[in-house]
Amino acid sequence: MPLHIELVGSLAAVITTLCWIPQIIKIARHRDTASISLSMNISLVFGVFLWLIYGMMIGSWPVMAANGVTLLLILTILGLKLRYG
């Protein structure tokens, strides 16, 4: 695959993976998860898990890495929601 396409995909993966960090920081600081949807986060965990499995099935390290990290971040948010919500 051409380098410019790989770079676009890599940048997208980094941005969509790291976008969850500000949410985790906000929850940790304020200990408030009232506006966080439990059902949406459970659905998101399931979807990201399936993306991780898909990445494993096609042998794509970028898909596996991005979705593995995203899964950990979303599980962190879900855990904080269950703890504070």
N, C-alpha and C. Protein backbone atom coordinates (compact mmCIF):
# COMPACT_ATOMS: atom_id res chain seq x y z
N MET A 1 0.85 -1.17 0.00
CA MET A 1 0.00 0.00 0.00
C MET A 1 0.90 1.24 0.00
N PRO A 2 0.52 2.26 -0.76
CA PRO A 2 1.34 3.48 -0.83
C PRO A 2 1.50 4.15 0.54
N LEU A 3 2.66 4.77 0.74
CA LEU A 3 3.00 5.39 2.01
C LEU A 3 1.99 6.44 2.44
N HIS A 4 1.52 7.28 1.53
CA HIS A 4 0.59 8.35 1.91
C HIS A 4 -0.73 7.77 2.44
N ILE A 5 -1.15 6.63 1.91
CA ILE A 5 -2.37 5.98 2.41
C ILE A 5 -2.13 5.43 3.81
N GLU A 6 -0.98 4.81 4.02
CA GLU A 6 -0.63 4.30 5.35
C GLU A 6 -0.55 5.43 6.37
N LEU A 7 -0.01 6.57 5.96
CA LEU A 7 0.10 7.71 6.87
C LEU A 7 -1.27 8.25 7.26
N VAL A 8 -2.19 8.32 6.30
CA VAL A 8 -3.55 8.78 6.60
C VAL A 8 -4.21 7.82 7.59
N GLY A 9 -4.09 6.54 7.34
CA GLY A 9 -4.67 5.54 8.24
C GLY A 9 -4.04 5.57 9.62
N SER A 10 -2.74 5.75 9.68
CA SER A 10 -2.05 5.81 10.97
C SER A 10 -2.45 7.05 11.76
N LEU A 11 -2.55 8.18 11.08
CA LEU A 11 -2.97 9.41 11.75
C LEU A 11 -4.40 9.28 12.26
N ALA A 12 -5.28 8.70 11.46
CA ALA A 12 -6.66 8.48 11.90
C ALA A 12 -6.70 7.57 13.12
N ALA A 13 -5.91 6.53 13.12
CA ALA A 13 -5.88 5.60 14.25
C ALA A 13 -5.39 6.28 15.53
N VAL A 14 -4.35 7.08 15.42
CA VAL A 14 -3.81 7.78 16.59
C VAL A 14 -4.84 8.76 17.15
N ILE A 15 -5.47 9.53 16.28
CA ILE A 15 -6.44 10.54 16.73
C ILE A 15 -7.64 9.87 17.38
N THR A 16 -8.22 8.87 16.73
CA THR A 16 -9.42 8.24 17.28
C THR A 16 -9.13 7.39 18.50
N THR A 17 -7.90 6.97 18.66
CA THR A 17 -7.53 6.21 19.87
C THR A 17 -7.30 7.16 21.04
N LEU A 18 -6.53 8.21 20.82
CA LEU A 18 -6.17 9.11 21.91
C LEU A 18 -7.28 10.09 22.29
N CYS A 19 -8.32 10.19 21.49
CA CYS A 19 -9.41 11.14 21.80
C CYS A 19 -10.12 10.80 23.10
N TRP A 20 -9.96 9.59 23.60
CA TRP A 20 -10.63 9.17 24.84
C TRP A 20 -9.91 9.65 26.09
N ILE A 21 -8.66 10.02 25.97
CA ILE A 21 -7.87 10.43 27.14
C ILE A 21 -8.44 11.66 27.83
N PRO A 22 -8.84 12.73 27.11
CA PRO A 22 -9.43 13.87 27.81
C PRO A 22 -10.70 13.51 28.59
N GLN A 23 -11.50 12.58 28.07
CA GLN A 23 -12.70 12.16 28.78
C GLN A 23 -12.33 11.45 30.08
N ILE A 24 -11.33 10.60 30.03
CA ILE A 24 -10.89 9.89 31.24
C ILE A 24 -10.37 10.89 32.27
N ILE A 25 -9.59 11.86 31.83
CA ILE A 25 -9.06 12.88 32.75
C ILE A 25 -10.19 13.68 33.38
N LYS A 26 -11.17 14.07 32.58
CA LYS A 26 -12.30 14.83 33.11
C LYS A 26 -13.09 14.02 34.15
N ILE A 27 -13.34 12.77 33.86
CA ILE A 27 -14.07 11.92 34.81
C ILE A 27 -13.26 11.76 36.09
N ALA A 28 -11.96 11.52 35.96
CA ALA A 28 -11.12 11.32 37.14
C ALA A 28 -11.06 12.57 38.01
N ARG A 29 -11.02 13.74 37.39
CA ARG A 29 -10.95 15.00 38.14
C ARG A 29 -12.26 15.33 38.85
N HIS A 30 -13.37 15.17 38.13
CA HIS A 30 -14.66 15.61 38.65
C HIS A 30 -15.48 14.50 39.30
N ARG A 31 -15.08 13.26 39.07
CA ARG A 31 -15.80 12.10 39.62
C ARG A 31 -17.29 12.15 39.29
N ASP A 32 -17.58 12.61 38.09
CA ASP A 32 -18.96 12.76 37.64
C ASP A 32 -19.14 12.06 36.30
N THR A 33 -20.01 11.07 36.27
CA THR A 33 -20.27 10.35 35.03
C THR A 33 -21.75 10.37 34.67
N ALA A 34 -22.51 11.30 35.25
CA ALA A 34 -23.95 11.35 35.00
C ALA A 34 -24.27 11.53 33.51
N SER A 35 -23.44 12.26 32.80
CA SER A 35 -23.73 12.51 31.38
C SER A 35 -23.14 11.44 30.46
N ILE A 36 -22.50 10.43 31.01
CA ILE A 36 -21.92 9.36 30.22
C ILE A 36 -22.96 8.24 30.08
N SER A 37 -23.24 7.84 28.86
CA SER A 37 -24.23 6.79 28.61
C SER A 37 -23.61 5.41 28.82
N LEU A 38 -24.18 4.66 29.75
CA LEU A 38 -23.70 3.31 30.02
C LEU A 38 -23.95 2.39 28.82
N SER A 39 -25.15 2.45 28.25
CA SER A 39 -25.47 1.56 27.12
C SER A 39 -24.61 1.88 25.90
N MET A 40 -24.32 3.15 25.66
CA MET A 40 -23.47 3.50 24.53
C MET A 40 -22.06 2.97 24.73
N ASN A 41 -21.54 3.08 25.94
CA ASN A 41 -20.18 2.61 26.20
C ASN A 41 -20.09 1.09 26.14
N ILE A 42 -21.12 0.40 26.60
CA ILE A 42 -21.13 -1.07 26.49
C ILE A 42 -21.16 -1.47 25.01
N SER A 43 -21.99 -0.79 24.21
CA SER A 43 -22.04 -1.07 22.77
C SER A 43 -20.69 -0.78 22.12
N LEU A 44 -20.07 0.32 22.52
CA LEU A 44 -18.78 0.70 21.95
C LEU A 44 -17.71 -0.33 22.30
N VAL A 45 -17.70 -0.83 23.53
CA VAL A 45 -16.75 -1.87 23.93
C VAL A 45 -16.92 -3.09 23.02
N PHE A 46 -18.16 -3.50 22.81
CA PHE A 46 -18.42 -4.67 21.96
C PHE A 46 -17.94 -4.42 20.53
N GLY A 47 -18.25 -3.24 19.98
CA GLY A 47 -17.83 -2.92 18.62
C GLY A 47 -16.32 -2.85 18.46
N VAL A 48 -15.65 -2.21 19.40
CA VAL A 48 -14.18 -2.10 19.33
C VAL A 48 -13.54 -3.48 19.51
N PHE A 49 -14.13 -4.31 20.37
CA PHE A 49 -13.65 -5.68 20.55
C PHE A 49 -13.73 -6.44 19.22
N LEU A 50 -14.85 -6.27 18.51
CA LEU A 50 -14.99 -6.93 17.22
C LEU A 50 -13.97 -6.41 16.20
N TRP A 51 -13.68 -5.10 16.22
CA TRP A 51 -12.64 -4.55 15.35
C TRP A 51 -11.28 -5.17 15.69
N LEU A 52 -11.02 -5.37 16.98
CA LEU A 52 -9.77 -6.02 17.40
C LEU A 52 -9.69 -7.44 16.86
N ILE A 53 -10.77 -8.19 16.98
CA ILE A 53 -10.81 -9.56 16.45
C ILE A 53 -10.62 -9.55 14.93
N TYR A 54 -11.28 -8.60 14.27
CA TYR A 54 -11.13 -8.47 12.81
C TYR A 54 -9.66 -8.22 12.45
N GLY A 55 -9.01 -7.31 13.18
CA GLY A 55 -7.60 -7.04 12.94
C GLY A 55 -6.75 -8.28 13.10
N MET A 56 -7.08 -9.11 14.09
CA MET A 56 -6.35 -10.36 14.30
C MET A 56 -6.60 -11.32 13.14
N MET A 57 -7.83 -11.38 12.67
CA MET A 57 -8.17 -12.30 11.59
C MET A 57 -7.49 -11.94 10.28
N ILE A 58 -7.31 -10.64 10.03
CA ILE A 58 -6.64 -10.24 8.78
C ILE A 58 -5.15 -10.00 8.98
N GLY A 59 -4.68 -10.13 10.23
CA GLY A 59 -3.26 -9.98 10.51
C GLY A 59 -2.75 -8.55 10.38
N SER A 60 -3.60 -7.58 10.71
CA SER A 60 -3.21 -6.18 10.58
C SER A 60 -2.81 -5.61 11.94
N TRP A 61 -1.50 -5.41 12.12
CA TRP A 61 -1.01 -4.87 13.39
C TRP A 61 -1.55 -3.48 13.69
N PRO A 62 -1.65 -2.58 12.70
CA PRO A 62 -2.21 -1.26 13.01
C PRO A 62 -3.67 -1.34 13.51
N VAL A 63 -4.47 -2.19 12.90
CA VAL A 63 -5.86 -2.34 13.35
C VAL A 63 -5.89 -2.95 14.75
N MET A 64 -5.06 -3.94 14.99
CA MET A 64 -5.01 -4.57 16.31
C MET A 64 -4.53 -3.58 17.37
N ALA A 65 -3.47 -2.84 17.08
CA ALA A 65 -2.91 -1.92 18.06
C ALA A 65 -3.88 -0.80 18.40
N ALA A 66 -4.43 -0.18 17.36
CA ALA A 66 -5.35 0.94 17.59
C ALA A 66 -6.57 0.49 18.37
N ASN A 67 -7.14 -0.63 18.00
CA ASN A 67 -8.35 -1.09 18.68
C ASN A 67 -8.06 -1.72 20.04
N GLY A 68 -6.88 -2.29 20.21
CA GLY A 68 -6.50 -2.80 21.53
C GLY A 68 -6.37 -1.67 22.55
N VAL A 69 -5.68 -0.60 22.15
CA VAL A 69 -5.53 0.56 23.05
C VAL A 69 -6.88 1.24 23.27
N THR A 70 -7.66 1.39 22.19
CA THR A 70 -8.98 2.00 22.33
C THR A 70 -9.85 1.19 23.27
N LEU A 71 -9.80 -0.13 23.16
CA LEU A 71 -10.58 -0.99 24.04
C LEU A 71 -10.20 -0.76 25.51
N LEU A 72 -8.92 -0.66 25.79
CA LEU A 72 -8.48 -0.40 27.16
C LEU A 72 -8.97 0.96 27.66
N LEU A 73 -8.93 1.97 26.81
CA LEU A 73 -9.39 3.30 27.22
C LEU A 73 -10.90 3.31 27.46
N ILE A 74 -11.67 2.68 26.58
CA ILE A 74 -13.12 2.64 26.75
C ILE A 74 -13.48 1.80 27.98
N LEU A 75 -12.77 0.73 28.22
CA LEU A 75 -13.02 -0.06 29.44
C LEU A 75 -12.71 0.76 30.69
N THR A 76 -11.71 1.63 30.61
CA THR A 76 -11.41 2.53 31.72
C THR A 76 -12.59 3.46 31.98
N ILE A 77 -13.12 4.04 30.91
CA ILE A 77 -14.29 4.93 31.05
C ILE A 77 -15.48 4.15 31.61
N LEU A 78 -15.68 2.95 31.11
CA LEU A 78 -16.79 2.12 31.59
C LEU A 78 -16.61 1.80 33.09
N GLY A 79 -15.39 1.47 33.48
CA GLY A 79 -15.12 1.21 34.89
C GLY A 79 -15.37 2.43 35.75
N LEU A 80 -14.96 3.61 35.28
CA LEU A 80 -15.20 4.84 36.01
C LEU A 80 -16.69 5.15 36.09
N LYS A 81 -17.41 4.84 35.01
CA LYS A 81 -18.87 5.05 35.02
C LYS A 81 -19.51 4.16 36.08
N LEU A 82 -19.10 2.92 36.14
CA LEU A 82 -19.67 2.00 37.13
C LEU A 82 -19.27 2.40 38.55
N ARG A 83 -18.08 2.94 38.71
CA ARG A 83 -17.62 3.34 40.04
C ARG A 83 -18.29 4.63 40.53
N TYR A 84 -18.36 5.64 39.65
CA TYR A 84 -18.87 6.95 40.08
C TYR A 84 -20.30 7.23 39.66
N GLY A 85 -20.83 6.41 38.75
CA GLY A 85 -22.14 6.74 38.19
C GLY A 85 -23.29 6.12 38.88
